[in-house]
Amino acid sequence: MTTDLAVEAHGLVKTFGDVRALDGVDLVVPRGTVVGLLGPNGSGKTTTVRILATLLQATAGTAKVNGFDVKTQADDVRRSIGLTGQY
């Protein structure tokens, strides 16, 4: 699947019990760009990346990676990305 966007997320929400880790995150990353996701501890960076990598499901909102829906096309998303941790 071809698209001009590497990442497209709209209204991402993630709750863990009473904790709202993400509250309506919107993110658009054009294909061929390098993006840094910056913020203080607890701001939802890791949660956002985990949703985009299909390691977590969003409570609400939509996201596509390389044109594939992270919820309904998770296998295609995983085949199209590489992810490594900090350490």
PDB file of N, CA and C in Angstrom:
ATOM      1  N   MET A   1       0.849  -1.174   0.000  1.00  0.00           N
ATOM      2  CA  MET A   1       0.000   0.000   0.000  1.00  0.00           C
ATOM      3  C   MET A   1       0.896   1.239   0.000  1.00  0.00           C
ATOM      4  N   THR A   2       0.593   2.208  -0.835  1.00  0.00           N
ATOM      5  CA  THR A   2       1.389   3.428  -0.888  1.00  0.00           C
ATOM      6  C   THR A   2       0.589   4.584  -0.333  1.00  0.00           C
ATOM      7  N   THR A   3       1.282   5.465   0.340  1.00  0.00           N
ATOM      8  CA  THR A   3       0.683   6.663   0.905  1.00  0.00           C
ATOM      9  C   THR A   3       1.783   7.701   1.060  1.00  0.00           C
ATOM     10  N   ASP A   4       1.404   8.964   1.102  1.00  0.00           N
ATOM     11  CA  ASP A   4       2.378  10.030   1.318  1.00  0.00           C
ATOM     12  C   ASP A   4       2.695  10.211   2.794  1.00  0.00           C
ATOM     13  N   LEU A   5       1.976   9.500   3.657  1.00  0.00           N
ATOM     14  CA  LEU A   5       2.185   9.639   5.097  1.00  0.00           C
ATOM     15  C   LEU A   5       2.747   8.351   5.680  1.00  0.00           C
ATOM     16  N   ALA A   6       3.769   8.496   6.505  1.00  0.00           N
ATOM     17  CA  ALA A   6       4.303   7.347   7.234  1.00  0.00           C
ATOM     18  C   ALA A   6       3.433   7.059   8.448  1.00  0.00           C
ATOM     19  N   VAL A   7       2.974   8.128   9.110  1.00  0.00           N
ATOM     20  CA  VAL A   7       2.137   7.994  10.311  1.00  0.00           C
ATOM     21  C   VAL A   7       1.011   9.009  10.238  1.00  0.00           C
ATOM     22  N   GLU A   8      -0.180   8.556  10.579  1.00  0.00           N
ATOM     23  CA  GLU A   8      -1.331   9.444  10.666  1.00  0.00           C
ATOM     24  C   GLU A   8      -2.181   8.984  11.845  1.00  0.00           C
ATOM     25  N   ALA A   9      -2.250   9.803  12.880  1.00  0.00           N
ATOM     26  CA  ALA A   9      -3.023   9.464  14.074  1.00  0.00           C
ATOM     27  C   ALA A   9      -3.948  10.623  14.412  1.00  0.00           C
ATOM     28  N   HIS A  10      -5.165  10.290  14.793  1.00  0.00           N
ATOM     29  CA  HIS A  10      -6.162  11.308  15.119  1.00  0.00           C
ATOM     30  C   HIS A  10      -6.907  10.927  16.391  1.00  0.00           C
ATOM     31  N   GLY A  11      -6.860  11.805  17.366  1.00  0.00           N
ATOM     32  CA  GLY A  11      -7.642  11.635  18.584  1.00  0.00           C
ATOM     33  C   GLY A  11      -7.278  10.428  19.416  1.00  0.00           C
ATOM     34  N   LEU A  12      -6.001  10.052  19.438  1.00  0.00           N
ATOM     35  CA  LEU A  12      -5.605   8.871  20.219  1.00  0.00           C
ATOM     36  C   LEU A  12      -5.814   9.108  21.709  1.00  0.00           C
ATOM     37  N   VAL A  13      -6.519   8.180  22.319  1.00  0.00           N
ATOM     38  CA  VAL A  13      -6.766   8.190  23.760  1.00  0.00           C
ATOM     39  C   VAL A  13      -6.367   6.820  24.283  1.00  0.00           C
ATOM     40  N   LYS A  14      -5.694   6.821  25.430  1.00  0.00           N
ATOM     41  CA  LYS A  14      -5.381   5.559  26.102  1.00  0.00           C
ATOM     42  C   LYS A  14      -5.579   5.755  27.588  1.00  0.00           C
ATOM     43  N   THR A  15      -6.411   4.907  28.168  1.00  0.00           N
ATOM     44  CA  THR A  15      -6.611   4.950  29.608  1.00  0.00           C
ATOM     45  C   THR A  15      -6.145   3.635  30.216  1.00  0.00           C
ATOM     46  N   PHE A  16      -5.615   3.748  31.417  1.00  0.00           N
ATOM     47  CA  PHE A  16      -5.239   2.597  32.238  1.00  0.00           C
ATOM     48  C   PHE A  16      -6.008   2.770  33.541  1.00  0.00           C
ATOM     49  N   GLY A  17      -7.167   2.141  33.637  1.00  0.00           N
ATOM     50  CA  GLY A  17      -8.022   2.371  34.807  1.00  0.00           C
ATOM     51  C   GLY A  17      -8.484   3.823  34.819  1.00  0.00           C
ATOM     52  N   ASP A  18      -8.187   4.520  35.909  1.00  0.00           N
ATOM     53  CA  ASP A  18      -8.569   5.928  36.041  1.00  0.00           C
ATOM     54  C   ASP A  18      -7.533   6.880  35.440  1.00  0.00           C
ATOM     55  N   VAL A  19      -6.396   6.354  35.013  1.00  0.00           N
ATOM     56  CA  VAL A  19      -5.323   7.195  34.467  1.00  0.00           C
ATOM     57  C   VAL A  19      -5.512   7.359  32.963  1.00  0.00           C
ATOM     58  N   ARG A  20      -5.566   8.606  32.521  1.00  0.00           N
ATOM     59  CA  ARG A  20      -5.689   8.908  31.083  1.00  0.00           C
ATOM     60  C   ARG A  20      -4.290   9.245  30.575  1.00  0.00           C
ATOM     61  N   ALA A  21      -3.617   8.246  30.004  1.00  0.00           N
ATOM     62  CA  ALA A  21      -2.230   8.410  29.563  1.00  0.00           C
ATOM     63  C   ALA A  21      -2.128   9.245  28.297  1.00  0.00           C
ATOM     64  N   LEU A  22      -3.109   9.106  27.397  1.00  0.00           N
ATOM     65  CA  LEU A  22      -3.187   9.929  26.190  1.00  0.00           C
ATOM     66  C   LEU A  22      -4.569  10.545  26.138  1.00  0.00           C
ATOM     67  N   ASP A  23      -4.617  11.795  25.719  1.00  0.00           N
ATOM     68  CA  ASP A  23      -5.888  12.508  25.715  1.00  0.00           C
ATOM     69  C   ASP A  23      -6.091  13.245  24.399  1.00  0.00           C
ATOM     70  N   GLY A  24      -6.271  12.484  23.320  1.00  0.00           N
ATOM     71  CA  GLY A  24      -6.570  13.095  22.033  1.00  0.00           C
ATOM     72  C   GLY A  24      -5.341  13.493  21.230  1.00  0.00           C
ATOM     73  N   VAL A  25      -4.368  12.611  21.139  1.00  0.00           N
ATOM     74  CA  VAL A  25      -3.133  12.908  20.400  1.00  0.00           C
ATOM     75  C   VAL A  25      -3.391  12.857  18.897  1.00  0.00           C
ATOM     76  N   ASP A  26      -2.959  13.900  18.205  1.00  0.00           N
ATOM     77  CA  ASP A  26      -2.982  13.963  16.744  1.00  0.00           C
ATOM     78  C   ASP A  26      -1.535  14.036  16.269  1.00  0.00           C
ATOM     79  N   LEU A  27      -1.199  13.259  15.258  1.00  0.00           N
ATOM     80  CA  LEU A  27       0.172  13.223  14.753  1.00  0.00           C
ATOM     81  C   LEU A  27       0.143  12.871  13.276  1.00  0.00           C
ATOM     82  N   VAL A  28       0.847  13.666  12.481  1.00  0.00           N
ATOM     83  CA  VAL A  28       0.984  13.392  11.052  1.00  0.00           C
ATOM     84  C   VAL A  28       2.470  13.477  10.717  1.00  0.00           C
ATOM     85  N   VAL A  29       3.006  12.395  10.141  1.00  0.00           N
ATOM     86  CA  VAL A  29       4.420  12.332   9.773  1.00  0.00           C
ATOM     87  C   VAL A  29       4.505  11.988   8.294  1.00  0.00           C
ATOM     88  N   PRO A  30       4.996  12.922   7.478  1.00  0.00           N
ATOM     89  CA  PRO A  30       5.149  12.627   6.051  1.00  0.00           C
ATOM     90  C   PRO A  30       6.208  11.545   5.821  1.00  0.00           C
ATOM     91  N   ARG A  31       5.988  10.743   4.805  1.00  0.00           N
ATOM     92  CA  ARG A  31       6.947   9.711   4.426  1.00  0.00           C
ATOM     93  C   ARG A  31       8.298  10.369   4.104  1.00  0.00           C
ATOM     94  N   GLY A  32       9.384   9.729   4.508  1.00  0.00           N
ATOM     95  CA  GLY A  32      10.721  10.214   4.194  1.00  0.00           C
ATOM     96  C   GLY A  32      11.260  11.259   5.155  1.00  0.00           C
ATOM     97  N   THR A  33      10.570  11.490   6.271  1.00  0.00           N
ATOM     98  CA  THR A  33      11.054  12.463   7.248  1.00  0.00           C
ATOM     99  C   THR A  33      11.526  11.749   8.507  1.00  0.00           C
ATOM    100  N   VAL A  34      12.306  12.450   9.305  1.00  0.00           N
ATOM    101  CA  VAL A  34      12.741  11.954  10.602  1.00  0.00           C
ATOM    102  C   VAL A  34      12.082  12.833  11.654  1.00  0.00           C
ATOM    103  N   VAL A  35      11.471  12.195  12.642  1.00  0.00           N
ATOM    104  CA  VAL A  35      10.723  12.931  13.661  1.00  0.00           C
ATOM    105  C   VAL A  35      11.197  12.503  15.032  1.00  0.00           C
ATOM    106  N   GLY A  36      11.362  13.468  15.918  1.00  0.00           N
ATOM    107  CA  GLY A  36      11.647  13.184  17.319  1.00  0.00           C
ATOM    108  C   GLY A  36      10.403  13.453  18.138  1.00  0.00           C
ATOM    109  N   LEU A  37      10.048  12.546  19.010  1.00  0.00           N
ATOM    110  CA  LEU A  37       8.893  12.710  19.879  1.00  0.00           C
ATOM    111  C   LEU A  37       9.420  13.102  21.249  1.00  0.00           C
ATOM    112  N   LEU A  38       9.231  14.362  21.609  1.00  0.00           N
ATOM    113  CA  LEU A  38       9.822  14.910  22.828  1.00  0.00           C
ATOM    114  C   LEU A  38       8.748  15.300  23.828  1.00  0.00           C
ATOM    115  N   GLY A  39       9.085  15.213  25.097  1.00  0.00           N
ATOM    116  CA  GLY A  39       8.181  15.636  26.152  1.00  0.00           C
ATOM    117  C   GLY A  39       8.701  15.163  27.490  1.00  0.00           C
ATOM    118  N   PRO A  40       8.155  15.714  28.560  1.00  0.00           N
ATOM    119  CA  PRO A  40       8.604  15.316  29.901  1.00  0.00           C
ATOM    120  C   PRO A  40       8.143  13.907  30.240  1.00  0.00           C
ATOM    121  N   ASN A  41       8.721  13.352  31.279  1.00  0.00           N
ATOM    122  CA  ASN A  41       8.305  12.033  31.763  1.00  0.00           C
ATOM    123  C   ASN A  41       6.812  12.031  32.007  1.00  0.00           C
ATOM    124  N   GLY A  42       6.159  10.959  31.578  1.00  0.00           N
ATOM    125  CA  GLY A  42       4.727  10.826  31.816  1.00  0.00           C
ATOM    126  C   GLY A  42       3.844  11.534  30.810  1.00  0.00           C
ATOM    127  N   SER A  43       4.427  12.062  29.730  1.00  0.00           N
ATOM    128  CA  SER A  43       3.620  12.821  28.765  1.00  0.00           C
ATOM    129  C   SER A  43       2.978  11.949  27.691  1.00  0.00           C
ATOM    130  N   GLY A  44       3.283  10.651  27.657  1.00  0.00           N
ATOM    131  CA  GLY A  44       2.625   9.747  26.723  1.00  0.00           C
ATOM    132  C   GLY A  44       3.440   9.354  25.504  1.00  0.00           C
ATOM    133  N   LYS A  45       4.722   9.678  25.488  1.00  0.00           N
ATOM    134  CA  LYS A  45       5.557   9.343  24.328  1.00  0.00           C
ATOM    135  C   LYS A  45       5.612   7.836  24.087  1.00  0.00           C
ATOM    136  N   THR A  46       5.954   7.088  25.102  1.00  0.00           N
ATOM    137  CA  THR A  46       6.081   5.642  24.964  1.00  0.00           C
ATOM    138  C   THR A  46       4.736   5.007  24.653  1.00  0.00           C
ATOM    139  N   THR A  47       3.690   5.471  25.284  1.00  0.00           N
ATOM    140  CA  THR A  47       2.355   4.942  25.014  1.00  0.00           C
ATOM    141  C   THR A  47       1.978   5.176  23.555  1.00  0.00           C
ATOM    142  N   THR A  48       2.271   6.349  23.032  1.00  0.00           N
ATOM    143  CA  THR A  48       1.980   6.655  21.628  1.00  0.00           C
ATOM    144  C   THR A  48       2.738   5.714  20.702  1.00  0.00           C
ATOM    145  N   VAL A  49       4.019   5.547  20.941  1.00  0.00           N
ATOM    146  CA  VAL A  49       4.836   4.667  20.096  1.00  0.00           C
ATOM    147  C   VAL A  49       4.339   3.228  20.201  1.00  0.00           C
ATOM    148  N   ARG A  50       3.990   2.785  21.382  1.00  0.00           N
ATOM    149  CA  ARG A  50       3.498   1.410  21.554  1.00  0.00           C
ATOM    150  C   ARG A  50       2.190   1.185  20.795  1.00  0.00           C
ATOM    151  N   ILE A  51       1.328   2.189  20.755  1.00  0.00           N
ATOM    152  CA  ILE A  51       0.088   2.067  19.969  1.00  0.00           C
ATOM    153  C   ILE A  51       0.425   2.019  18.489  1.00  0.00           C
ATOM    154  N   LEU A  52       1.303   2.897  18.030  1.00  0.00           N
ATOM    155  CA  LEU A  52       1.661   2.934  16.608  1.00  0.00           C
ATOM    156  C   LEU A  52       2.365   1.651  16.169  1.00  0.00           C
ATOM    157  N   ALA A  53       3.055   0.988  17.092  1.00  0.00           N
ATOM    158  CA  ALA A  53       3.764  -0.256  16.785  1.00  0.00           C
ATOM    159  C   ALA A  53       2.884  -1.493  17.024  1.00  0.00           C
ATOM    160  N   THR A  54       1.643  -1.289  17.370  1.00  0.00           N
ATOM    161  CA  THR A  54       0.641  -2.333  17.618  1.00  0.00           C
ATOM    162  C   THR A  54       0.909  -3.147  18.884  1.00  0.00           C
ATOM    163  N   LEU A  55       1.686  -2.597  19.797  1.00  0.00           N
ATOM    164  CA  LEU A  55       1.957  -3.284  21.056  1.00  0.00           C
ATOM    165  C   LEU A  55       0.883  -2.998  22.101  1.00  0.00           C
ATOM    166  N   LEU A  56       0.132  -1.930  21.904  1.00  0.00           N
ATOM    167  CA  LEU A  56      -1.013  -1.562  22.744  1.00  0.00           C
ATOM    168  C   LEU A  56      -2.157  -1.174  21.821  1.00  0.00           C
ATOM    169  N   GLN A  57      -3.382  -1.340  22.288  1.00  0.00           N
ATOM    170  CA  GLN A  57      -4.535  -0.833  21.544  1.00  0.00           C
ATOM    171  C   GLN A  57      -5.001   0.460  22.167  1.00  0.00           C
ATOM    172  N   ALA A  58      -5.311   1.438  21.348  1.00  0.00           N
ATOM    173  CA  ALA A  58      -5.845   2.711  21.827  1.00  0.00           C
ATOM    174  C   ALA A  58      -7.242   2.487  22.395  1.00  0.00           C
ATOM    175  N   THR A  59      -7.586   3.265  23.396  1.00  0.00           N
ATOM    176  CA  THR A  59      -8.931   3.246  23.942  1.00  0.00           C
ATOM    177  C   THR A  59      -9.891   3.923  22.966  1.00  0.00           C
ATOM    178  N   ALA A  60      -9.399   4.959  22.291  1.00  0.00           N
ATOM    179  CA  ALA A  60     -10.192   5.675  21.291  1.00  0.00           C
ATOM    180  C   ALA A  60      -9.245   6.305  20.284  1.00  0.00           C
ATOM    181  N   GLY A  61      -9.800   6.724  19.153  1.00  0.00           N
ATOM    182  CA  GLY A  61      -9.011   7.358  18.108  1.00  0.00           C
ATOM    183  C   GLY A  61      -8.614   6.370  17.030  1.00  0.00           C
ATOM    184  N   THR A  62      -7.942   6.895  16.014  1.00  0.00           N
ATOM    185  CA  THR A  62      -7.509   6.070  14.888  1.00  0.00           C
ATOM    186  C   THR A  62      -6.045   6.348  14.583  1.00  0.00           C
ATOM    187  N   ALA A  63      -5.384   5.364  14.004  1.00  0.00           N
ATOM    188  CA  ALA A  63      -3.988   5.542  13.600  1.00  0.00           C
ATOM    189  C   ALA A  63      -3.679   4.635  12.435  1.00  0.00           C
ATOM    190  N   LYS A  64      -2.877   5.159  11.523  1.00  0.00           N
ATOM    191  CA  LYS A  64      -2.363   4.385  10.403  1.00  0.00           C
ATOM    192  C   LYS A  64      -0.856   4.554  10.354  1.00  0.00           C
ATOM    193  N   VAL A  65      -0.175   3.473  10.020  1.00  0.00           N
ATOM    194  CA  VAL A  65       1.271   3.481   9.819  1.00  0.00           C
ATOM    195  C   VAL A  65       1.511   2.904   8.434  1.00  0.00           C
ATOM    196  N   ASN A  66       2.176   3.669   7.589  1.00  0.00           N
ATOM    197  CA  ASN A  66       2.414   3.271   6.198  1.00  0.00           C
ATOM    198  C   ASN A  66       1.114   2.895   5.483  1.00  0.00           C
ATOM    199  N   GLY A  67       0.036   3.578   5.856  1.00  0.00           N
ATOM    200  CA  GLY A  67      -1.256   3.345   5.227  1.00  0.00           C
ATOM    201  C   GLY A  67      -2.061   2.209   5.811  1.00  0.00           C
ATOM    202  N   PHE A  68      -1.508   1.488   6.780  1.00  0.00           N
ATOM    203  CA  PHE A  68      -2.186   0.358   7.401  1.00  0.00           C
ATOM    204  C   PHE A  68      -2.784   0.767   8.746  1.00  0.00           C
ATOM    205  N   ASP A  69      -4.010   0.384   8.990  1.00  0.00           N
ATOM    206  CA  ASP A  69      -4.688   0.679  10.245  1.00  0.00           C
ATOM    207  C   ASP A  69      -4.068  -0.156  11.362  1.00  0.00           C
ATOM    208  N   VAL A  70      -3.660   0.495  12.451  1.00  0.00           N
ATOM    209  CA  VAL A  70      -2.970  -0.234  13.523  1.00  0.00           C
ATOM    210  C   VAL A  70      -3.879  -1.226  14.239  1.00  0.00           C
ATOM    211  N   LYS A  71      -5.177  -1.008  14.170  1.00  0.00           N
ATOM    212  CA  LYS A  71      -6.112  -1.908  14.850  1.00  0.00           C
ATOM    213  C   LYS A  71      -6.519  -3.090  13.968  1.00  0.00           C
ATOM    214  N   THR A  72      -6.844  -2.823  12.721  1.00  0.00           N
ATOM    215  CA  THR A  72      -7.382  -3.876  11.860  1.00  0.00           C
ATOM    216  C   THR A  72      -6.349  -4.516  10.940  1.00  0.00           C
ATOM    217  N   GLN A  73      -5.171  -3.880  10.803  1.00  0.00           N
ATOM    218  CA  GLN A  73      -4.127  -4.410   9.917  1.00  0.00           C
ATOM    219  C   GLN A  73      -2.789  -4.487  10.649  1.00  0.00           C
ATOM    220  N   ALA A  74      -2.842  -4.941  11.886  1.00  0.00           N
ATOM    221  CA  ALA A  74      -1.647  -4.955  12.737  1.00  0.00           C
ATOM    222  C   ALA A  74      -0.499  -5.759  12.130  1.00  0.00           C
ATOM    223  N   ASP A  75      -0.786  -6.897  11.519  1.00  0.00           N
ATOM    224  CA  ASP A  75       0.271  -7.701  10.908  1.00  0.00           C
ATOM    225  C   ASP A  75       0.980  -6.922   9.803  1.00  0.00           C
ATOM    226  N   ASP A  76       0.218  -6.195   8.991  1.00  0.00           N
ATOM    227  CA  ASP A  76       0.807  -5.390   7.918  1.00  0.00           C
ATOM    228  C   ASP A  76       1.651  -4.253   8.487  1.00  0.00           C
ATOM    229  N   VAL A  77       1.173  -3.630   9.563  1.00  0.00           N
ATOM    230  CA  VAL A  77       1.963  -2.574  10.220  1.00  0.00           C
ATOM    231  C   VAL A  77       3.291  -3.152  10.675  1.00  0.00           C
ATOM    232  N   ARG A  78       3.251  -4.265  11.379  1.00  0.00           N
ATOM    233  CA  ARG A  78       4.483  -4.862  11.918  1.00  0.00           C
ATOM    234  C   ARG A  78       5.449  -5.283  10.818  1.00  0.00           C
ATOM    235  N   ARG A  79       4.925  -5.742   9.691  1.00  0.00           N
ATOM    236  CA  ARG A  79       5.802  -6.111   8.567  1.00  0.00           C
ATOM    237  C   ARG A  79       6.462  -4.889   7.945  1.00  0.00           C
ATOM    238  N   SER A  80       5.862  -3.720   8.116  1.00  0.00           N
ATOM    239  CA  SER A  80       6.355  -2.528   7.419  1.00  0.00           C
ATOM    240  C   SER A  80       7.245  -1.628   8.283  1.00  0.00           C
ATOM    241  N   ILE A  81       7.469  -1.993   9.562  1.00  0.00           N
ATOM    242  CA  ILE A  81       8.257  -1.128  10.446  1.00  0.00           C
ATOM    243  C   ILE A  81       9.387  -1.899  11.106  1.00  0.00           C
ATOM    244  N   GLY A  82      10.272  -1.151  11.723  1.00  0.00           N
ATOM    245  CA  GLY A  82      11.284  -1.689  12.616  1.00  0.00           C
ATOM    246  C   GLY A  82      11.221  -0.883  13.900  1.00  0.00           C
ATOM    247  N   LEU A  83      11.368  -1.513  15.033  1.00  0.00           N
ATOM    248  CA  LEU A  83      11.273  -0.813  16.312  1.00  0.00           C
ATOM    249  C   LEU A  83      12.346  -1.369  17.248  1.00  0.00           C
ATOM    250  N   THR A  84      13.057  -0.463  17.893  1.00  0.00           N
ATOM    251  CA  THR A  84      14.026  -0.874  18.902  1.00  0.00           C
ATOM    252  C   THR A  84      13.867   0.029  20.111  1.00  0.00           C
ATOM    253  N   GLY A  85      14.146  -0.521  21.268  1.00  0.00           N
ATOM    254  CA  GLY A  85      14.042   0.248  22.506  1.00  0.00           C
ATOM    255  C   GLY A  85      15.265   1.121  22.723  1.00  0.00           C
ATOM    256  N   GLN A  86      15.210   1.864  23.795  1.00  0.00           N
ATOM    257  CA  GLN A  86      16.276   2.815  24.119  1.00  0.00           C
ATOM    258  C   GLN A  86      17.590   2.123  24.464  1.00  0.00           C
ATOM    259  N   TYR A  87      17.509   0.965  25.083  1.00  0.00           N
ATOM    260  CA  TYR A  87      18.738   0.326  25.556  1.00  0.00           C
ATOM    261  C   TYR A  87      19.123  -0.823  24.667  1.00  0.00           C
TER     262      TYR A  87
END
